[in-house]
Amino acid sequence: MNQSKRNLFILSALSAALTANFFYMAPQAACAKKSGKSKKTTVETKTVTQGDAESAIKNQLSSLAAAAMKADAEQMASFFALDGSYVNEDGLRVVGRPSLKEHFAKHVSPELNGALKLEPHQIRLIGNDTAWIEGSTTRQIANQKSTDARFTMLLTNQNGTWVIQSATETTVTPKGSAAKLSDLDWLVGDWVAERGTEKVRMTAEKVGNGNFLHLKYLIAKAGETPKIDTQVIGWDPNRDQIISWHFDSSGGFGYGRWRKQDNKWIINAEGVEQSGWNSTATNVISSVDKNSFQWQSMRRTVDGLTFADTEPLTVKRVSQ
């Protein structure tokens, strides 16, 4: 494959030709064309199996929420494996159905004024009989919806029924979106990254009363018309996580989930290019000092094809 000719979408520009935005890079576009003979690679997936499993798991979560609304401790415990475990927001671990029933009987009260839901944000199948879930516990009272907690669950399929092997719940403390984004205040201002004759200039500003960051990317490459890509960074109260949406000037778009690790931001990005290609990448932003950071894209895939990690790229502040 002639990678130098690929029109890579989510941020591959900074590794090959600087043709896209720093924060949402995953290789896209014409990365499967070679002398006009290559064609789109289809990765075999068990779509029906995945869909059936997700549907069954969501039904189990709905039934568990209904039991919790009635404070039916025995029924709640029945959704767990015989040796299933639950860890509450205080770190207390309860193991086994009898102990779970006793715990729920003491600590769960009937919901009289609202609707309780267990909303899965991500369901990952591990083989055919195991699933990992991340989600949130929400409460709807009149027209007001609130997120009470985040949960993770490990489920196993036992004789056709998905039961909870382990569950962990963490209370969510309500906090304004602007405050949640404060760790990214340093981004506000103008930034530039260059490689050879290619250059990307990024401008970041707060919008929506500080609840969002709006990023604009001016992408210039020798001999080509400059392009402008956009990105919006905000806070997802259901996931209790910083997220981002990005829009490529060629018609592609994508989504990113952010988490902080020491002096780094890890962004799990996924996107869809205008022609329909799907891509994923893990992008890493490493702080150098208040006026510079390094960006690198790793674990890049396009419709199941894997691409090498990019080299770290230094991005420098122009002004603030």
Protein backbone atom coordinates (compact mmCIF):
# COMPACT_ATOMS: atom_id res chain seq x y z
CA MET A 1 0.00 0.00 0.00
CA ASN A 2 1.19 3.50 -0.79
CA GLN A 3 0.52 5.14 2.57
CA SER A 4 1.88 8.52 1.50
CA LYS A 5 -1.16 8.89 -0.79
CA ARG A 6 -3.75 7.99 1.79
CA ASN A 7 -6.17 10.68 2.87
CA LEU A 8 -6.10 9.70 6.52
CA PHE A 9 -8.99 11.00 8.60
CA ILE A 10 -8.82 11.33 12.39
CA LEU A 11 -5.46 12.99 13.02
CA SER A 12 -3.19 10.83 10.87
CA ALA A 13 -2.05 14.07 9.31
CA LEU A 14 0.22 14.71 12.23
CA SER A 15 2.08 11.50 11.59
CA ALA A 16 2.16 11.42 7.81
CA ALA A 17 0.95 14.64 6.22
CA LEU A 18 -0.60 16.81 8.97
CA THR A 19 -3.96 16.71 7.23
CA ALA A 20 -6.27 16.58 10.25
CA ASN A 21 -7.05 17.52 13.84
CA PHE A 22 -4.63 16.66 16.70
CA PHE A 23 -7.19 15.21 19.09
CA TYR A 24 -9.28 12.76 17.10
CA MET A 25 -6.90 10.91 14.83
CA ALA A 26 -7.60 7.44 13.53
CA PRO A 27 -6.56 6.39 10.02
CA GLN A 28 -9.40 6.61 7.51
CA ALA A 29 -10.18 7.19 3.88
CA ALA A 30 -8.26 5.61 1.03
CA CYS A 31 -6.15 3.31 3.12
CA ALA A 32 -7.27 0.15 1.34
CA LYS A 33 -6.56 1.20 -2.22
CA LYS A 34 -3.49 -0.09 -4.01
CA SER A 35 -3.07 0.29 -7.77
CA GLY A 36 -6.88 0.14 -8.01
CA LYS A 37 -6.89 -3.57 -7.14
CA SER A 38 -7.42 -3.60 -3.40
CA LYS A 39 -10.90 -3.51 -2.08
CA LYS A 40 -12.54 -2.90 1.26
CA THR A 41 -11.73 -5.63 3.75
CA THR A 42 -14.61 -7.07 5.72
CA VAL A 43 -13.80 -8.34 9.19
CA GLU A 44 -15.91 -11.30 10.21
CA THR A 45 -18.05 -10.49 13.21
CA LYS A 46 -20.91 -12.27 14.85
CA THR A 47 -23.33 -9.41 14.42
CA VAL A 48 -26.46 -11.41 15.15
CA THR A 49 -24.90 -13.02 18.19
CA GLN A 50 -23.74 -9.63 19.48
CA GLY A 51 -27.18 -8.14 18.91
CA ASP A 52 -28.99 -11.01 20.56
CA ALA A 53 -26.66 -10.90 23.55
CA GLU A 54 -27.03 -7.13 23.95
CA SER A 55 -30.81 -7.38 23.75
CA ALA A 56 -30.92 -10.13 26.37
CA ILE A 57 -28.55 -8.23 28.68
CA LYS A 58 -30.54 -5.01 28.38
CA ASN A 59 -33.71 -6.92 29.25
CA GLN A 60 -32.01 -8.31 32.34
CA LEU A 61 -30.93 -4.81 33.42
CA SER A 62 -34.47 -3.50 32.90
CA SER A 63 -35.88 -6.31 35.00
CA LEU A 64 -33.29 -5.71 37.71
CA ALA A 65 -34.19 -2.00 37.78
CA ALA A 66 -37.89 -2.91 38.06
CA ALA A 67 -37.13 -5.19 41.00
CA ALA A 68 -35.08 -2.43 42.64
CA MET A 69 -37.95 0.04 42.23
CA LYS A 70 -40.16 -2.38 44.19
CA ALA A 71 -37.32 -3.06 46.67
CA ASP A 72 -37.81 -6.78 46.01
CA ALA A 73 -34.54 -7.97 47.56
CA GLU A 74 -35.07 -11.64 46.71
CA GLN A 75 -35.73 -10.91 43.05
CA MET A 76 -32.76 -8.52 42.88
CA ALA A 77 -30.44 -11.20 44.26
CA SER A 78 -31.76 -13.70 41.68
CA PHE A 79 -30.14 -11.70 38.89
CA PHE A 80 -26.71 -12.58 40.36
CA ALA A 81 -24.82 -15.84 40.02
CA LEU A 82 -24.93 -18.08 43.10
CA ASP A 83 -21.44 -16.83 44.01
CA GLY A 84 -21.96 -13.37 42.50
CA SER A 85 -20.59 -10.28 44.22
CA TYR A 86 -21.54 -6.62 44.60
CA VAL A 87 -19.32 -3.72 45.74
CA ASN A 88 -21.15 -0.55 46.77
CA GLU A 89 -20.02 3.08 46.72
CA ASP A 90 -18.38 2.68 50.16
CA GLY A 91 -16.26 -0.27 49.03
CA LEU A 92 -18.32 -2.85 50.93
CA ARG A 93 -18.21 -6.20 49.10
CA VAL A 94 -21.14 -8.62 49.43
CA VAL A 95 -20.81 -12.17 48.06
CA GLY A 96 -23.42 -14.86 47.39
CA ARG A 97 -27.18 -14.67 46.81
CA PRO A 98 -28.23 -15.05 50.48
CA SER A 99 -25.92 -12.21 51.56
CA LEU A 100 -26.99 -10.09 48.58
CA LYS A 101 -30.65 -10.57 49.44
CA GLU A 102 -29.98 -9.50 53.04
CA HIS A 103 -27.99 -6.47 51.90
CA PHE A 104 -30.63 -5.29 49.43
CA ALA A 105 -33.39 -5.78 51.99
CA LYS A 106 -31.58 -3.41 54.36
CA HIS A 107 -30.42 -0.77 51.91
CA VAL A 108 -32.92 -0.58 49.03
CA SER A 109 -36.19 1.34 49.42
CA PRO A 110 -39.17 1.40 47.02
CA GLU A 111 -39.17 4.11 44.37
CA LEU A 112 -42.46 5.96 44.83
CA ASN A 113 -41.94 9.17 42.87
CA GLY A 114 -39.59 8.33 40.04
CA ALA A 115 -38.42 5.79 37.51
CA LEU A 116 -35.11 4.00 38.04
CA LYS A 117 -33.07 2.76 35.09
CA LEU A 118 -29.82 0.87 34.60
CA GLU A 119 -28.49 2.30 31.34
CA PRO A 120 -25.58 0.46 29.69
CA HIS A 121 -23.19 2.73 27.78
CA GLN A 122 -20.96 -0.06 26.57
CA ILE A 123 -21.41 -3.82 26.30
CA ARG A 124 -18.37 -5.89 25.35
CA LEU A 125 -18.68 -9.58 24.62
CA ILE A 126 -15.74 -11.72 25.73
CA GLY A 127 -16.19 -14.95 23.88
CA ASN A 128 -19.74 -16.32 23.73
CA ASP A 129 -20.56 -16.59 27.41
CA THR A 130 -19.05 -13.53 29.12
CA ALA A 131 -19.87 -9.82 28.85
CA TRP A 132 -18.42 -6.65 30.39
CA ILE A 133 -20.76 -3.68 30.92
CA GLU A 134 -20.18 -0.04 31.81
CA GLY A 135 -23.20 2.12 32.52
CA SER A 136 -25.06 4.45 34.83
CA THR A 137 -27.95 4.32 37.26
CA THR A 138 -30.41 7.11 36.45
CA ARG A 139 -33.57 8.39 38.09
CA GLN A 140 -36.37 10.20 36.25
CA ILE A 141 -38.66 12.39 38.36
CA ALA A 142 -41.20 14.36 36.32
CA ASN A 143 -39.15 16.01 33.55
CA GLN A 144 -35.89 15.92 35.51
CA LYS A 145 -33.37 13.16 34.90
CA SER A 146 -30.38 12.66 37.18
CA THR A 147 -27.48 10.23 37.30
CA ASP A 148 -27.06 8.65 40.71
CA ALA A 149 -24.19 6.27 40.09
CA ARG A 150 -21.91 4.60 37.59
CA PHE A 151 -21.63 0.83 37.46
CA THR A 152 -19.53 -1.90 35.93
CA MET A 153 -20.65 -5.50 35.66
CA LEU A 154 -19.21 -8.81 34.58
CA LEU A 155 -21.96 -11.14 33.34
CA THR A 156 -21.87 -14.81 32.39
CA ASN A 157 -24.32 -16.76 30.28
CA GLN A 158 -25.57 -19.71 32.31
CA ASN A 159 -27.90 -22.03 30.43
CA GLY A 160 -29.09 -19.20 28.20
CA THR A 161 -29.57 -16.64 30.98
CA TRP A 162 -27.20 -13.74 31.59
CA VAL A 163 -26.43 -13.44 35.31
CA ILE A 164 -24.20 -10.99 37.16
CA GLN A 165 -20.91 -12.47 38.31
CA SER A 166 -19.66 -9.21 39.81
CA ALA A 167 -20.93 -5.63 39.99
CA THR A 168 -19.40 -2.41 41.27
CA GLU A 169 -21.28 0.85 41.83
CA THR A 170 -19.82 4.33 42.39
CA THR A 171 -21.90 7.32 43.44
CA VAL A 172 -21.89 10.32 41.11
CA THR A 173 -21.68 13.71 42.78
CA PRO A 174 -23.48 16.34 40.67
CA LYS A 175 -21.14 19.03 39.42
CA GLY A 176 -21.35 21.64 36.68
CA SER A 177 -19.98 20.77 33.24
CA ALA A 178 -17.74 23.84 33.27
CA ALA A 179 -16.06 22.67 36.46
CA LYS A 180 -15.66 19.17 35.03
CA LEU A 181 -13.78 20.62 32.05
CA SER A 182 -11.45 22.74 34.19
CA ASP A 183 -8.60 20.25 33.73
CA LEU A 184 -8.54 21.28 30.07
CA ASP A 185 -8.45 25.05 30.66
CA TRP A 186 -4.81 25.04 29.57
CA LEU A 187 -5.95 24.26 26.02
CA VAL A 188 -7.50 27.70 25.53
CA GLY A 189 -5.43 29.68 23.07
CA ASP A 190 -3.58 29.12 19.79
CA TRP A 191 -1.37 26.13 19.03
CA VAL A 192 0.68 25.00 16.06
CA ALA A 193 2.27 21.78 14.83
CA GLU A 194 4.55 21.56 11.82
CA ARG A 195 6.28 18.85 9.85
CA GLY A 196 8.10 19.69 6.65
CA THR A 197 5.86 21.90 4.51
CA GLU A 198 2.68 20.88 6.32
CA LYS A 199 1.20 22.88 9.19
CA VAL A 200 -1.83 22.68 11.49
CA ARG A 201 -2.92 25.65 13.58
CA MET A 202 -5.44 25.01 16.34
CA THR A 203 -7.51 27.63 18.13
CA ALA A 204 -9.40 26.64 21.30
CA GLU A 205 -12.00 28.75 23.12
CA LYS A 206 -14.67 28.26 25.75
CA VAL A 207 -18.29 28.48 24.58
CA GLY A 208 -21.72 27.86 26.10
CA ASN A 209 -20.95 29.56 29.42
CA GLY A 210 -17.82 27.50 29.72
CA ASN A 211 -19.63 24.18 29.39
CA PHE A 212 -17.86 23.37 26.12
CA LEU A 213 -14.54 23.89 24.40
CA HIS A 214 -14.71 24.72 20.70
CA LEU A 215 -11.61 23.85 18.69
CA LYS A 216 -10.96 24.97 15.12
CA TYR A 217 -8.16 23.51 13.01
CA LEU A 218 -6.68 25.31 10.01
CA ILE A 219 -4.86 22.65 7.99
CA ALA A 220 -2.39 23.85 5.38
CA LYS A 221 -0.41 21.62 3.04
CA ALA A 222 1.83 22.75 0.22
CA GLY A 223 0.02 22.82 -3.12
CA GLU A 224 -3.43 22.20 -1.61
CA THR A 225 -6.34 24.40 -0.58
CA PRO A 226 -6.37 24.94 3.22
CA LYS A 227 -9.10 23.10 5.15
CA ILE A 228 -10.88 23.87 8.40
CA ASP A 229 -11.98 21.07 10.74
CA THR A 230 -13.91 21.54 13.98
CA GLN A 231 -14.22 19.78 17.32
CA VAL A 232 -16.36 20.26 20.42
CA ILE A 233 -15.28 18.95 23.83
CA GLY A 234 -17.85 18.59 26.60
CA TRP A 235 -18.93 16.59 29.62
CA ASP A 236 -21.17 13.50 29.55
CA PRO A 237 -22.92 13.25 32.96
CA ASN A 238 -24.15 9.72 32.21
CA ARG A 239 -20.64 8.43 31.60
CA ASP A 240 -19.12 10.85 34.13
CA GLN A 241 -16.46 11.48 31.51
CA ILE A 242 -15.08 14.13 29.15
CA ILE A 243 -16.11 13.42 25.56
CA SER A 244 -15.58 15.07 22.19
CA TRP A 245 -17.26 15.27 18.80
CA HIS A 246 -15.29 16.05 15.67
CA PHE A 247 -16.29 17.05 12.15
CA ASP A 248 -13.94 16.76 9.20
CA SER A 249 -14.16 19.24 6.33
CA SER A 250 -14.41 16.34 3.87
CA GLY A 251 -17.67 15.14 5.48
CA GLY A 252 -16.40 12.63 8.05
CA PHE A 253 -17.22 12.74 11.74
CA GLY A 254 -16.34 10.96 14.95
CA TYR A 255 -16.41 10.68 18.72
CA GLY A 256 -13.83 10.46 21.51
CA ARG A 257 -13.83 9.44 25.19
CA TRP A 258 -11.22 11.12 27.40
CA ARG A 259 -9.56 10.01 30.62
CA LYS A 260 -6.63 11.43 32.53
CA GLN A 261 -3.66 9.36 33.63
CA ASP A 262 -0.92 11.20 35.50
CA ASN A 263 0.29 13.92 33.10
CA LYS A 264 -1.38 12.33 30.08
CA TRP A 265 -4.79 12.34 28.47
CA ILE A 266 -5.88 9.07 26.86
CA ILE A 267 -8.51 9.48 24.15
CA ASN A 268 -10.34 6.49 22.71
CA ALA A 269 -11.44 7.74 19.30
CA GLU A 270 -13.71 6.29 16.65
CA GLY A 271 -14.90 7.81 13.42
CA VAL A 272 -16.78 7.41 10.16
CA GLU A 273 -15.38 8.87 6.98
CA GLN A 274 -17.60 10.33 4.25
CA SER A 275 -17.31 7.18 2.13
CA GLY A 276 -18.34 4.95 5.05
CA TRP A 277 -15.03 3.64 6.39
CA ASN A 278 -14.96 3.03 10.16
CA SER A 279 -11.80 3.69 12.15
CA THR A 280 -10.55 3.61 15.73
CA ALA A 281 -7.45 4.84 17.54
CA THR A 282 -6.09 5.53 21.00
CA ASN A 283 -4.59 9.03 21.06
CA VAL A 284 -2.25 10.14 23.82
CA ILE A 285 -1.58 13.76 24.82
CA SER A 286 1.45 14.12 27.10
CA SER A 287 2.09 17.42 28.86
CA VAL A 288 5.61 18.82 28.43
CA ASP A 289 5.09 22.26 30.00
CA LYS A 290 2.41 24.98 29.92
CA ASN A 291 3.37 25.95 26.39
CA SER A 292 3.83 22.57 24.71
CA PHE A 293 2.62 19.00 24.66
CA GLN A 294 3.27 15.83 22.68
CA TRP A 295 0.64 14.00 20.70
CA GLN A 296 0.75 10.39 19.50
CA SER A 297 -1.81 8.04 17.95
CA MET A 298 -1.68 4.34 18.76
CA ARG A 299 -3.60 1.12 18.09
CA ARG A 300 -5.00 2.50 14.86
CA THR A 301 -7.46 0.45 12.80
CA VAL A 302 -9.56 0.97 9.68
CA ASP A 303 -12.37 -1.56 9.16
CA GLY A 304 -10.29 -4.15 10.99
CA LEU A 305 -6.95 -3.37 9.30
CA THR A 306 -4.21 -2.42 11.78
CA PHE A 307 -1.75 0.45 11.20
CA ALA A 308 1.51 1.33 12.96
CA ASP A 309 1.61 3.88 15.78
CA THR A 310 2.56 7.40 14.79
CA GLU A 311 5.76 9.06 15.98
CA PRO A 312 5.29 11.54 18.89
CA LEU A 313 4.65 15.07 17.59
CA THR A 314 5.35 18.25 19.57
CA VAL A 315 2.59 20.89 19.54
CA LYS A 316 3.55 24.40 20.68
CA ARG A 317 1.53 27.31 21.98
CA VAL A 318 1.43 30.45 19.83
CA SER A 319 -0.51 32.71 22.18
CA GLN A 320 -3.19 32.61 24.86
